[in-house]
N, C-alpha and C. Protein backbone atom coordinates (compact mmCIF):
# COMPACT_ATOMS: atom_id res chain seq x y z
N MET A 1 -1.92 9.43 -25.18
CA MET A 1 -2.29 8.16 -24.57
C MET A 1 -3.61 8.32 -23.84
N ASP A 2 -4.44 7.30 -23.95
CA ASP A 2 -5.69 7.35 -23.22
C ASP A 2 -5.49 6.76 -21.82
N THR A 3 -6.48 6.90 -20.98
CA THR A 3 -6.38 6.48 -19.58
C THR A 3 -6.18 4.97 -19.46
N GLY A 4 -6.83 4.19 -20.31
CA GLY A 4 -6.69 2.73 -20.24
C GLY A 4 -5.27 2.28 -20.49
N THR A 5 -4.60 2.91 -21.43
CA THR A 5 -3.21 2.56 -21.71
C THR A 5 -2.30 2.91 -20.54
N ILE A 6 -2.53 4.04 -19.93
CA ILE A 6 -1.72 4.45 -18.78
C ILE A 6 -1.91 3.48 -17.63
N ILE A 7 -3.14 3.09 -17.36
CA ILE A 7 -3.41 2.15 -16.27
C ILE A 7 -2.75 0.82 -16.55
N GLU A 8 -2.79 0.34 -17.80
CA GLU A 8 -2.15 -0.92 -18.14
C GLU A 8 -0.63 -0.83 -17.97
N LEU A 9 -0.03 0.31 -18.29
CA LEU A 9 1.40 0.47 -18.11
C LEU A 9 1.79 0.49 -16.64
N VAL A 10 0.95 1.11 -15.82
CA VAL A 10 1.26 1.22 -14.39
C VAL A 10 1.04 -0.11 -13.68
N THR A 11 0.08 -0.89 -14.11
CA THR A 11 -0.25 -2.15 -13.42
C THR A 11 0.30 -3.36 -14.16
N VAL A 12 1.55 -3.30 -14.54
CA VAL A 12 2.20 -4.43 -15.18
C VAL A 12 2.27 -5.57 -14.18
N ARG A 13 1.82 -6.74 -14.58
CA ARG A 13 1.77 -7.87 -13.65
C ARG A 13 2.96 -8.81 -13.88
N THR A 14 4.12 -8.38 -13.39
CA THR A 14 5.31 -9.21 -13.46
C THR A 14 5.89 -9.31 -12.05
N TRP A 15 6.78 -10.25 -11.84
CA TRP A 15 7.37 -10.40 -10.50
C TRP A 15 8.21 -9.20 -10.10
N PRO A 16 9.01 -8.61 -10.99
CA PRO A 16 9.73 -7.40 -10.57
C PRO A 16 8.80 -6.24 -10.21
N ALA A 17 7.70 -6.10 -10.94
CA ALA A 17 6.73 -5.04 -10.61
C ALA A 17 6.08 -5.32 -9.26
N PHE A 18 5.82 -6.59 -8.98
CA PHE A 18 5.25 -6.97 -7.68
C PHE A 18 6.22 -6.63 -6.55
N ALA A 19 7.48 -6.99 -6.73
CA ALA A 19 8.50 -6.71 -5.70
C ALA A 19 8.65 -5.21 -5.49
N LEU A 20 8.62 -4.45 -6.57
CA LEU A 20 8.73 -3.00 -6.47
C LEU A 20 7.52 -2.41 -5.75
N ALA A 21 6.33 -2.90 -6.05
CA ALA A 21 5.12 -2.40 -5.38
C ALA A 21 5.16 -2.70 -3.89
N VAL A 22 5.59 -3.89 -3.52
CA VAL A 22 5.67 -4.24 -2.10
C VAL A 22 6.72 -3.37 -1.40
N ALA A 23 7.84 -3.13 -2.05
CA ALA A 23 8.88 -2.27 -1.46
C ALA A 23 8.37 -0.84 -1.29
N ILE A 24 7.64 -0.33 -2.27
CA ILE A 24 7.10 1.02 -2.18
C ILE A 24 6.10 1.12 -1.03
N VAL A 25 5.24 0.12 -0.90
CA VAL A 25 4.25 0.14 0.19
C VAL A 25 4.94 0.03 1.55
N ALA A 26 5.97 -0.81 1.65
CA ALA A 26 6.70 -0.93 2.92
C ALA A 26 7.36 0.39 3.28
N ALA A 27 7.97 1.06 2.32
CA ALA A 27 8.61 2.35 2.59
C ALA A 27 7.58 3.41 2.95
N ALA A 28 6.44 3.41 2.24
CA ALA A 28 5.40 4.40 2.55
C ALA A 28 4.81 4.15 3.93
N SER A 29 4.64 2.89 4.31
CA SER A 29 4.13 2.57 5.64
C SER A 29 5.11 3.00 6.72
N ALA A 30 6.39 2.78 6.48
CA ALA A 30 7.40 3.21 7.46
C ALA A 30 7.42 4.74 7.59
N LEU A 31 7.31 5.43 6.47
CA LEU A 31 7.27 6.89 6.51
C LEU A 31 6.02 7.39 7.22
N ALA A 32 4.88 6.77 6.95
CA ALA A 32 3.64 7.15 7.63
C ALA A 32 3.75 6.88 9.13
N ALA A 33 4.38 5.78 9.50
CA ALA A 33 4.56 5.45 10.91
C ALA A 33 5.42 6.51 11.60
N LEU A 34 6.50 6.90 10.95
CA LEU A 34 7.38 7.91 11.53
C LEU A 34 6.66 9.24 11.70
N ILE A 35 5.97 9.68 10.66
CA ILE A 35 5.25 10.96 10.73
C ILE A 35 4.15 10.92 11.79
N LEU A 36 3.37 9.86 11.82
CA LEU A 36 2.28 9.76 12.78
C LEU A 36 2.82 9.66 14.21
N HIS A 37 3.87 8.88 14.40
CA HIS A 37 4.47 8.72 15.73
C HIS A 37 4.97 10.06 16.25
N ARG A 38 5.71 10.77 15.41
CA ARG A 38 6.24 12.08 15.84
C ARG A 38 5.11 13.09 16.08
N GLY A 39 4.10 13.09 15.21
CA GLY A 39 2.99 14.02 15.38
C GLY A 39 2.19 13.77 16.64
N VAL A 40 1.88 12.51 16.90
CA VAL A 40 1.11 12.18 18.10
C VAL A 40 1.92 12.47 19.35
N ARG A 41 3.21 12.16 19.32
CA ARG A 41 4.05 12.43 20.49
C ARG A 41 4.15 13.93 20.76
N LEU A 42 4.33 14.72 19.71
CA LEU A 42 4.41 16.17 19.86
C LEU A 42 3.07 16.74 20.37
N LEU A 43 1.98 16.25 19.81
CA LEU A 43 0.67 16.72 20.25
C LEU A 43 0.41 16.34 21.71
N ALA A 44 0.78 15.13 22.09
CA ALA A 44 0.57 14.70 23.47
C ALA A 44 1.41 15.52 24.43
N ARG A 45 2.63 15.80 24.05
CA ARG A 45 3.50 16.61 24.91
C ARG A 45 2.97 18.03 25.02
N HIS A 46 2.51 18.58 23.90
CA HIS A 46 2.01 19.96 23.88
C HIS A 46 0.74 20.11 24.71
N ARG A 47 -0.13 19.13 24.64
CA ARG A 47 -1.41 19.23 25.36
C ARG A 47 -1.38 18.61 26.75
N GLY A 48 -0.27 18.00 27.12
CA GLY A 48 -0.15 17.41 28.45
C GLY A 48 -0.84 16.06 28.59
N TRP A 49 -1.06 15.37 27.48
CA TRP A 49 -1.68 14.06 27.53
C TRP A 49 -0.66 13.00 27.92
N ASP A 50 -1.16 11.88 28.39
CA ASP A 50 -0.30 10.75 28.72
C ASP A 50 -0.01 9.98 27.43
N TYR A 51 1.23 10.07 26.95
CA TYR A 51 1.56 9.44 25.67
C TYR A 51 1.47 7.92 25.76
N GLY A 52 1.68 7.35 26.93
CA GLY A 52 1.60 5.89 27.08
C GLY A 52 0.24 5.35 26.68
N ARG A 53 -0.80 6.07 27.02
CA ARG A 53 -2.16 5.61 26.67
C ARG A 53 -2.47 5.86 25.20
N ILE A 54 -2.05 7.01 24.68
CA ILE A 54 -2.33 7.35 23.29
C ILE A 54 -1.46 6.51 22.35
N GLY A 55 -0.24 6.23 22.77
CA GLY A 55 0.68 5.47 21.94
C GLY A 55 0.17 4.08 21.61
N ARG A 56 -0.65 3.52 22.49
CA ARG A 56 -1.21 2.19 22.22
C ARG A 56 -2.25 2.20 21.10
N ILE A 57 -2.79 3.36 20.80
CA ILE A 57 -3.77 3.47 19.71
C ILE A 57 -3.05 3.55 18.36
N VAL A 58 -1.87 4.13 18.34
CA VAL A 58 -1.16 4.36 17.09
C VAL A 58 -0.71 3.05 16.45
N GLY A 59 -0.25 2.09 17.24
CA GLY A 59 0.26 0.83 16.71
C GLY A 59 -0.76 0.06 15.86
N PRO A 60 -1.93 -0.22 16.38
CA PRO A 60 -2.93 -0.92 15.56
C PRO A 60 -3.35 -0.14 14.31
N PHE A 61 -3.40 1.19 14.40
CA PHE A 61 -3.74 1.99 13.23
C PHE A 61 -2.68 1.84 12.15
N LEU A 62 -1.42 1.90 12.52
CA LEU A 62 -0.33 1.75 11.55
C LEU A 62 -0.32 0.34 10.95
N THR A 63 -0.64 -0.65 11.75
CA THR A 63 -0.73 -2.02 11.23
C THR A 63 -1.84 -2.11 10.19
N LEU A 64 -2.97 -1.49 10.47
CA LEU A 64 -4.07 -1.48 9.51
C LEU A 64 -3.66 -0.79 8.21
N VAL A 65 -2.97 0.33 8.32
CA VAL A 65 -2.51 1.05 7.12
C VAL A 65 -1.56 0.17 6.30
N ALA A 66 -0.64 -0.52 6.97
CA ALA A 66 0.32 -1.38 6.27
C ALA A 66 -0.37 -2.57 5.61
N VAL A 67 -1.33 -3.18 6.30
CA VAL A 67 -2.03 -4.34 5.75
C VAL A 67 -2.88 -3.94 4.54
N VAL A 68 -3.59 -2.84 4.63
CA VAL A 68 -4.40 -2.38 3.50
C VAL A 68 -3.50 -2.00 2.32
N GLY A 69 -2.39 -1.35 2.59
CA GLY A 69 -1.46 -1.00 1.52
C GLY A 69 -0.88 -2.22 0.84
N MET A 70 -0.50 -3.22 1.62
CA MET A 70 0.02 -4.46 1.04
C MET A 70 -1.06 -5.18 0.23
N TRP A 71 -2.29 -5.18 0.73
CA TRP A 71 -3.37 -5.83 0.01
C TRP A 71 -3.58 -5.17 -1.36
N ILE A 72 -3.54 -3.85 -1.39
CA ILE A 72 -3.70 -3.13 -2.66
C ILE A 72 -2.53 -3.46 -3.60
N ALA A 73 -1.30 -3.47 -3.07
CA ALA A 73 -0.14 -3.78 -3.91
C ALA A 73 -0.23 -5.18 -4.49
N VAL A 74 -0.64 -6.14 -3.68
CA VAL A 74 -0.76 -7.52 -4.15
C VAL A 74 -1.89 -7.63 -5.17
N ARG A 75 -2.99 -7.01 -4.89
CA ARG A 75 -4.15 -7.09 -5.78
C ARG A 75 -3.87 -6.48 -7.15
N VAL A 76 -3.09 -5.40 -7.17
CA VAL A 76 -2.85 -4.70 -8.43
C VAL A 76 -1.72 -5.34 -9.23
N THR A 77 -0.68 -5.84 -8.58
CA THR A 77 0.53 -6.23 -9.31
C THR A 77 0.90 -7.70 -9.26
N LEU A 78 0.25 -8.52 -8.47
CA LEU A 78 0.65 -9.93 -8.38
C LEU A 78 0.34 -10.67 -9.68
N PRO A 79 1.36 -11.29 -10.27
CA PRO A 79 1.11 -12.03 -11.51
C PRO A 79 0.22 -13.24 -11.25
N SER A 80 -0.59 -13.59 -12.23
CA SER A 80 -1.44 -14.77 -12.07
C SER A 80 -0.60 -16.01 -12.29
N PRO A 81 -1.02 -17.16 -11.75
CA PRO A 81 -0.24 -18.39 -11.91
C PRO A 81 -0.09 -18.82 -13.37
N THR A 82 -1.03 -18.48 -14.23
CA THR A 82 -0.95 -18.88 -15.62
C THR A 82 -0.14 -17.91 -16.46
N GLY A 83 0.19 -16.77 -15.91
CA GLY A 83 0.98 -15.79 -16.64
C GLY A 83 0.15 -14.86 -17.51
N SER A 84 -1.17 -15.02 -17.50
CA SER A 84 -2.01 -14.15 -18.32
C SER A 84 -2.32 -12.87 -17.56
N THR A 85 -2.58 -11.82 -18.28
CA THR A 85 -2.96 -10.55 -17.68
C THR A 85 -4.46 -10.36 -17.85
N PRO A 86 -5.07 -9.45 -17.11
CA PRO A 86 -6.50 -9.22 -17.27
C PRO A 86 -6.88 -8.84 -18.70
N SER A 87 -6.01 -8.12 -19.41
CA SER A 87 -6.34 -7.75 -20.79
C SER A 87 -6.31 -8.97 -21.71
N ASP A 88 -5.54 -10.02 -21.36
CA ASP A 88 -5.51 -11.25 -22.15
C ASP A 88 -6.78 -12.07 -21.98
N ALA A 89 -7.47 -11.85 -20.86
CA ALA A 89 -8.63 -12.66 -20.53
C ALA A 89 -9.93 -12.07 -21.08
N SER A 90 -9.83 -11.19 -22.06
CA SER A 90 -11.04 -10.60 -22.60
C SER A 90 -11.84 -11.66 -23.36
N PRO A 91 -13.16 -11.58 -23.30
CA PRO A 91 -13.98 -12.61 -23.97
C PRO A 91 -13.82 -12.55 -25.47
N SER A 92 -13.80 -13.69 -26.06
CA SER A 92 -13.67 -13.74 -27.52
C SER A 92 -15.04 -13.56 -28.17
N SER A 93 -15.04 -13.16 -29.40
CA SER A 93 -16.30 -12.88 -30.09
C SER A 93 -16.70 -14.06 -30.99
N SER A 94 -16.51 -15.29 -30.53
CA SER A 94 -16.87 -16.44 -31.37
C SER A 94 -18.23 -16.99 -31.02
């Protein structure tokens, strides 16, 4: 299989694929939040930093990660209103 075929298989634009992509991004964002939260808390405790001040930085960063991840998932997998895929929209040679 060539790379174009693999990309087309991965970026199927159907509603179930869209739902799956959103679920994957939500789970990945939650996992990233857990890992970052635990890491920052451990680092703050180890170095004697005030976690209350540092903890306020983590929230907006995680929100940014979740929003960018959702944007990518929507951009790649959201079906078009007409039901056509990008490969269907290729210019004709007439």
